[in-house]
Amino acid sequence: MTDIALSQPGVLYHVTIGSNLDSIWSDGIDPHYSKGKFEASWYVTKEHILWAVLHVAHRHDCKLDDIFVCSAVIQWSSMRRTNKQGRFCTQKCFQIEQASPALWYVNGET
């Protein structure tokens, strides 16, 4: 990515379980709530939403109808690219713009 592209905001997606939505709406996607080895919030590109939905369903042992996809406007300079294409993490908190049921993405409604 060029320096110009890094300075521009972008849109990435964070997939979460429904019980986290109230906190996310009020506080943003806060890395301090991370339950992983690395205290970070995880995001994917639009092309990788389905993978993220299935990952969350497996990791949290929940049904697809309890999973939501949150879109967030991010600053690329705050994101860390992982070794997997389309997956990013950050230690910065971002507010969400929208939260949609994951089933919309699974059923191809978006």
N, C-alpha and C. Protein backbone atom coordinates (compact mmCIF):
# COMPACT_ATOMS: atom_id res chain seq x y z
N MET A 1 0.84 -1.18 0.00
CA MET A 1 0.00 0.00 0.00
C MET A 1 0.88 1.24 0.00
N THR A 2 0.51 2.22 -0.77
CA THR A 2 1.29 3.45 -0.82
C THR A 2 1.01 4.31 0.41
N ASP A 3 1.86 5.32 0.62
CA ASP A 3 1.65 6.24 1.74
C ASP A 3 0.31 6.96 1.61
N ILE A 4 -0.08 7.28 0.37
CA ILE A 4 -1.36 7.95 0.15
C ILE A 4 -2.50 7.04 0.56
N ALA A 5 -2.44 5.77 0.17
CA ALA A 5 -3.50 4.82 0.52
C ALA A 5 -3.55 4.61 2.03
N LEU A 6 -2.40 4.57 2.69
CA LEU A 6 -2.38 4.39 4.14
C LEU A 6 -3.03 5.54 4.88
N SER A 7 -2.99 6.72 4.30
CA SER A 7 -3.57 7.88 4.97
C SER A 7 -5.07 7.99 4.77
N GLN A 8 -5.62 7.21 3.85
CA GLN A 8 -7.05 7.24 3.57
C GLN A 8 -7.78 6.24 4.47
N PRO A 9 -8.99 6.58 4.92
CA PRO A 9 -9.76 5.59 5.68
C PRO A 9 -10.24 4.47 4.77
N GLY A 10 -10.57 3.34 5.37
CA GLY A 10 -11.09 2.21 4.64
C GLY A 10 -12.21 1.56 5.43
N VAL A 11 -12.83 0.56 4.86
CA VAL A 11 -13.90 -0.17 5.55
C VAL A 11 -13.48 -1.62 5.68
N LEU A 12 -13.54 -2.12 6.92
CA LEU A 12 -13.31 -3.53 7.20
C LEU A 12 -14.47 -4.03 8.05
N TYR A 13 -14.52 -5.34 8.25
CA TYR A 13 -15.65 -5.97 8.93
C TYR A 13 -15.17 -6.77 10.14
N HIS A 14 -15.90 -6.63 11.23
CA HIS A 14 -15.64 -7.35 12.47
C HIS A 14 -16.84 -8.24 12.73
N VAL A 15 -16.61 -9.51 12.97
CA VAL A 15 -17.70 -10.46 13.18
C VAL A 15 -17.75 -10.82 14.66
N THR A 16 -18.95 -10.79 15.23
CA THR A 16 -19.09 -11.00 16.67
C THR A 16 -20.40 -11.69 17.00
N ILE A 17 -20.53 -12.11 18.24
CA ILE A 17 -21.78 -12.70 18.69
C ILE A 17 -22.72 -11.60 19.17
N GLY A 18 -24.01 -11.87 19.10
CA GLY A 18 -25.02 -10.87 19.40
C GLY A 18 -24.92 -10.27 20.79
N SER A 19 -24.50 -11.06 21.77
CA SER A 19 -24.43 -10.54 23.14
C SER A 19 -23.37 -9.45 23.31
N ASN A 20 -22.48 -9.29 22.33
CA ASN A 20 -21.46 -8.24 22.39
C ASN A 20 -21.90 -6.92 21.76
N LEU A 21 -23.04 -6.92 21.08
CA LEU A 21 -23.42 -5.74 20.30
C LEU A 21 -23.66 -4.49 21.13
N ASP A 22 -24.32 -4.60 22.28
CA ASP A 22 -24.57 -3.40 23.09
C ASP A 22 -23.27 -2.72 23.46
N SER A 23 -22.30 -3.50 23.90
CA SER A 23 -20.99 -2.96 24.27
C SER A 23 -20.29 -2.35 23.07
N ILE A 24 -20.37 -3.02 21.93
CA ILE A 24 -19.71 -2.52 20.72
C ILE A 24 -20.34 -1.21 20.27
N TRP A 25 -21.66 -1.12 20.31
CA TRP A 25 -22.33 0.13 19.91
C TRP A 25 -21.91 1.28 20.83
N SER A 26 -21.78 1.01 22.13
CA SER A 26 -21.47 2.10 23.06
C SER A 26 -19.98 2.40 23.16
N ASP A 27 -19.13 1.37 23.10
CA ASP A 27 -17.69 1.57 23.33
C ASP A 27 -16.82 1.38 22.10
N GLY A 28 -17.39 0.86 21.04
CA GLY A 28 -16.59 0.53 19.87
C GLY A 28 -16.05 -0.89 19.96
N ILE A 29 -15.28 -1.29 18.98
CA ILE A 29 -14.67 -2.61 18.97
C ILE A 29 -13.37 -2.47 19.75
N ASP A 30 -13.44 -2.83 21.01
CA ASP A 30 -12.35 -2.59 21.96
C ASP A 30 -11.46 -3.82 22.09
N PRO A 31 -10.17 -3.70 21.76
CA PRO A 31 -9.26 -4.84 21.85
C PRO A 31 -9.10 -5.40 23.26
N HIS A 32 -9.43 -4.61 24.27
CA HIS A 32 -9.30 -5.10 25.65
C HIS A 32 -10.25 -6.26 25.96
N TYR A 33 -11.29 -6.41 25.15
CA TYR A 33 -12.23 -7.51 25.34
C TYR A 33 -11.78 -8.80 24.65
N SER A 34 -10.68 -8.74 23.96
CA SER A 34 -10.19 -9.90 23.22
C SER A 34 -9.95 -11.09 24.14
N LYS A 35 -10.34 -12.26 23.67
CA LYS A 35 -10.14 -13.47 24.44
C LYS A 35 -9.00 -14.32 23.86
N GLY A 36 -8.32 -13.80 22.86
CA GLY A 36 -7.23 -14.53 22.22
C GLY A 36 -5.91 -14.33 22.94
N LYS A 37 -4.88 -14.94 22.40
CA LYS A 37 -3.54 -14.83 22.97
C LYS A 37 -3.00 -13.41 22.85
N PHE A 38 -3.42 -12.71 21.82
CA PHE A 38 -2.94 -11.37 21.51
C PHE A 38 -4.09 -10.40 21.72
N GLU A 39 -3.91 -9.38 22.56
CA GLU A 39 -4.99 -8.42 22.84
C GLU A 39 -5.17 -7.49 21.65
N ALA A 40 -6.06 -7.89 20.76
CA ALA A 40 -6.31 -7.13 19.54
C ALA A 40 -7.73 -7.40 19.06
N SER A 41 -8.22 -6.47 18.25
CA SER A 41 -9.50 -6.68 17.56
C SER A 41 -9.18 -7.15 16.16
N TRP A 42 -10.00 -8.05 15.67
CA TRP A 42 -9.75 -8.69 14.38
C TRP A 42 -10.79 -8.26 13.35
N TYR A 43 -10.33 -8.04 12.14
CA TYR A 43 -11.16 -7.55 11.04
C TYR A 43 -10.85 -8.34 9.78
N VAL A 44 -11.82 -8.33 8.87
CA VAL A 44 -11.62 -8.98 7.57
C VAL A 44 -12.14 -8.06 6.47
N THR A 45 -11.68 -8.34 5.25
CA THR A 45 -12.23 -7.67 4.08
C THR A 45 -13.59 -8.28 3.76
N LYS A 46 -14.32 -7.63 2.89
CA LYS A 46 -15.65 -8.13 2.53
C LYS A 46 -15.58 -9.54 1.96
N GLU A 47 -14.53 -9.83 1.21
CA GLU A 47 -14.39 -11.15 0.59
C GLU A 47 -14.16 -12.27 1.61
N HIS A 48 -13.79 -11.91 2.82
CA HIS A 48 -13.48 -12.92 3.84
C HIS A 48 -14.50 -12.97 4.98
N ILE A 49 -15.64 -12.32 4.79
CA ILE A 49 -16.68 -12.32 5.82
C ILE A 49 -17.18 -13.73 6.11
N LEU A 50 -17.44 -14.51 5.09
CA LEU A 50 -17.96 -15.86 5.30
C LEU A 50 -16.99 -16.69 6.15
N TRP A 51 -15.69 -16.60 5.85
CA TRP A 51 -14.70 -17.31 6.67
C TRP A 51 -14.81 -16.86 8.12
N ALA A 52 -14.91 -15.54 8.36
CA ALA A 52 -14.95 -15.00 9.73
C ALA A 52 -16.22 -15.45 10.46
N VAL A 53 -17.33 -15.49 9.75
CA VAL A 53 -18.59 -15.95 10.36
C VAL A 53 -18.45 -17.40 10.82
N LEU A 54 -17.91 -18.25 9.97
CA LEU A 54 -17.73 -19.65 10.34
C LEU A 54 -16.71 -19.80 11.47
N HIS A 55 -15.68 -18.99 11.46
CA HIS A 55 -14.68 -19.01 12.53
C HIS A 55 -15.32 -18.65 13.88
N VAL A 56 -16.13 -17.59 13.90
CA VAL A 56 -16.79 -17.17 15.14
C VAL A 56 -17.78 -18.24 15.61
N ALA A 57 -18.52 -18.82 14.68
CA ALA A 57 -19.48 -19.87 15.05
C ALA A 57 -18.75 -21.05 15.71
N HIS A 58 -17.63 -21.42 15.15
CA HIS A 58 -16.85 -22.54 15.71
C HIS A 58 -16.21 -22.15 17.04
N ARG A 59 -15.56 -21.00 17.07
CA ARG A 59 -14.82 -20.55 18.27
C ARG A 59 -15.73 -20.34 19.47
N HIS A 60 -16.93 -19.80 19.24
CA HIS A 60 -17.86 -19.50 20.33
C HIS A 60 -18.96 -20.54 20.46
N ASP A 61 -18.89 -21.57 19.63
CA ASP A 61 -19.88 -22.66 19.67
C ASP A 61 -21.30 -22.10 19.66
N CYS A 62 -21.59 -21.28 18.66
CA CYS A 62 -22.93 -20.68 18.58
C CYS A 62 -23.51 -20.85 17.19
N LYS A 63 -24.79 -20.60 17.10
CA LYS A 63 -25.51 -20.74 15.84
C LYS A 63 -25.33 -19.49 14.99
N LEU A 64 -25.49 -19.65 13.70
CA LEU A 64 -25.31 -18.54 12.77
C LEU A 64 -26.27 -17.38 13.04
N ASP A 65 -27.48 -17.69 13.55
CA ASP A 65 -28.43 -16.60 13.78
C ASP A 65 -28.08 -15.75 15.00
N ASP A 66 -27.02 -16.09 15.72
CA ASP A 66 -26.55 -15.26 16.84
C ASP A 66 -25.26 -14.52 16.51
N ILE A 67 -24.91 -14.50 15.23
CA ILE A 67 -23.66 -13.85 14.81
C ILE A 67 -24.00 -12.63 13.95
N PHE A 68 -23.22 -11.57 14.16
CA PHE A 68 -23.44 -10.32 13.44
C PHE A 68 -22.15 -9.84 12.80
N VAL A 69 -22.31 -9.14 11.68
CA VAL A 69 -21.18 -8.56 10.95
C VAL A 69 -21.25 -7.05 11.12
N CYS A 70 -20.20 -6.49 11.69
CA CYS A 70 -20.14 -5.04 11.94
C CYS A 70 -19.18 -4.40 10.95
N SER A 71 -19.63 -3.34 10.31
CA SER A 71 -18.73 -2.60 9.42
C SER A 71 -18.16 -1.42 10.18
N ALA A 72 -16.89 -1.15 9.94
CA ALA A 72 -16.21 -0.06 10.63
C ALA A 72 -15.31 0.69 9.65
N VAL A 73 -15.32 2.00 9.77
CA VAL A 73 -14.37 2.81 9.02
C VAL A 73 -13.09 2.83 9.84
N ILE A 74 -12.00 2.37 9.22
CA ILE A 74 -10.73 2.23 9.93
C ILE A 74 -9.66 3.12 9.29
N GLN A 75 -8.58 3.31 10.00
CA GLN A 75 -7.39 3.96 9.45
C GLN A 75 -6.39 2.86 9.15
N TRP A 76 -5.98 2.74 7.90
CA TRP A 76 -5.07 1.67 7.50
C TRP A 76 -3.77 1.70 8.29
N SER A 77 -3.34 2.89 8.67
CA SER A 77 -2.07 3.00 9.41
C SER A 77 -2.16 2.36 10.80
N SER A 78 -3.37 2.12 11.29
CA SER A 78 -3.56 1.49 12.61
C SER A 78 -3.73 -0.02 12.51
N MET A 79 -3.82 -0.53 11.29
CA MET A 79 -4.08 -1.95 11.10
C MET A 79 -2.78 -2.72 10.87
N ARG A 80 -2.79 -3.93 11.36
CA ARG A 80 -1.66 -4.83 11.16
C ARG A 80 -2.13 -5.98 10.29
N ARG A 81 -1.49 -6.18 9.16
CA ARG A 81 -1.86 -7.28 8.26
C ARG A 81 -1.36 -8.58 8.86
N THR A 82 -2.18 -9.60 8.81
CA THR A 82 -1.75 -10.91 9.32
C THR A 82 -1.13 -11.71 8.19
N ASN A 83 -0.70 -12.93 8.48
CA ASN A 83 -0.13 -13.76 7.43
C ASN A 83 -1.21 -14.42 6.57
N LYS A 84 -2.47 -14.14 6.86
CA LYS A 84 -3.59 -14.65 6.07
C LYS A 84 -4.20 -13.51 5.26
N GLN A 85 -4.37 -13.72 3.98
CA GLN A 85 -4.92 -12.68 3.13
C GLN A 85 -6.31 -12.24 3.59
N GLY A 86 -6.53 -10.93 3.63
CA GLY A 86 -7.84 -10.39 3.95
C GLY A 86 -8.14 -10.31 5.43
N ARG A 87 -7.16 -10.61 6.30
CA ARG A 87 -7.37 -10.57 7.75
C ARG A 87 -6.40 -9.56 8.37
N PHE A 88 -6.95 -8.75 9.26
CA PHE A 88 -6.17 -7.68 9.88
C PHE A 88 -6.47 -7.64 11.37
N CYS A 89 -5.55 -7.07 12.14
CA CYS A 89 -5.81 -6.85 13.55
C CYS A 89 -5.29 -5.48 13.95
N THR A 90 -5.76 -5.01 15.09
CA THR A 90 -5.34 -3.70 15.59
C THR A 90 -5.50 -3.68 17.11
N GLN A 91 -4.76 -2.78 17.72
CA GLN A 91 -4.92 -2.55 19.15
C GLN A 91 -5.66 -1.23 19.38
N LYS A 92 -6.17 -0.66 18.30
CA LYS A 92 -6.94 0.59 18.37
C LYS A 92 -8.43 0.26 18.39
N CYS A 93 -9.18 1.08 19.08
CA CYS A 93 -10.63 0.92 19.17
C CYS A 93 -11.30 1.70 18.04
N PHE A 94 -12.20 1.08 17.30
CA PHE A 94 -12.95 1.74 16.23
C PHE A 94 -14.45 1.61 16.49
N GLN A 95 -15.19 2.66 16.16
CA GLN A 95 -16.65 2.63 16.25
C GLN A 95 -17.20 1.94 15.02
N ILE A 96 -18.36 1.32 15.18
CA ILE A 96 -18.98 0.66 14.02
C ILE A 96 -19.99 1.58 13.36
N GLU A 97 -20.19 1.34 12.09
CA GLU A 97 -21.16 2.10 11.30
C GLU A 97 -22.49 1.35 11.21
N GLN A 98 -22.39 0.02 11.22
CA GLN A 98 -23.58 -0.81 10.99
C GLN A 98 -23.31 -2.21 11.55
N ALA A 99 -24.38 -2.89 11.97
CA ALA A 99 -24.30 -4.30 12.38
C ALA A 99 -25.44 -5.03 11.69
N SER A 100 -25.10 -6.07 10.95
CA SER A 100 -26.09 -6.84 10.20
C SER A 100 -26.01 -8.30 10.59
N PRO A 101 -27.14 -9.00 10.55
CA PRO A 101 -27.11 -10.43 10.84
C PRO A 101 -26.18 -11.17 9.86
N ALA A 102 -25.38 -12.06 10.38
CA ALA A 102 -24.45 -12.82 9.54
C ALA A 102 -25.19 -13.64 8.49
N LEU A 103 -26.41 -14.06 8.80
CA LEU A 103 -27.19 -14.86 7.85
C LEU A 103 -27.41 -14.11 6.53
N TRP A 104 -27.44 -12.77 6.58
CA TRP A 104 -27.58 -12.00 5.35
C TRP A 104 -26.40 -12.29 4.42
N TYR A 105 -25.21 -12.41 5.00
CA TYR A 105 -24.00 -12.67 4.20
C TYR A 105 -23.95 -14.13 3.76
N VAL A 106 -24.34 -15.03 4.64
CA VAL A 106 -24.33 -16.45 4.33
C VAL A 106 -25.31 -16.75 3.20
N ASN A 107 -26.48 -16.07 3.23
CA ASN A 107 -27.51 -16.29 2.22
C ASN A 107 -27.31 -15.44 0.97
N GLY A 108 -26.24 -14.65 0.94
CA GLY A 108 -25.93 -13.83 -0.24
C GLY A 108 -26.85 -12.63 -0.39
N GLU A 109 -27.38 -12.10 0.71
CA GLU A 109 -28.30 -10.97 0.63
C GLU A 109 -27.59 -9.62 0.66
N THR A 110 -26.27 -9.62 0.76
CA THR A 110 -25.54 -8.33 0.75
C THR A 110 -24.63 -8.27 -0.44
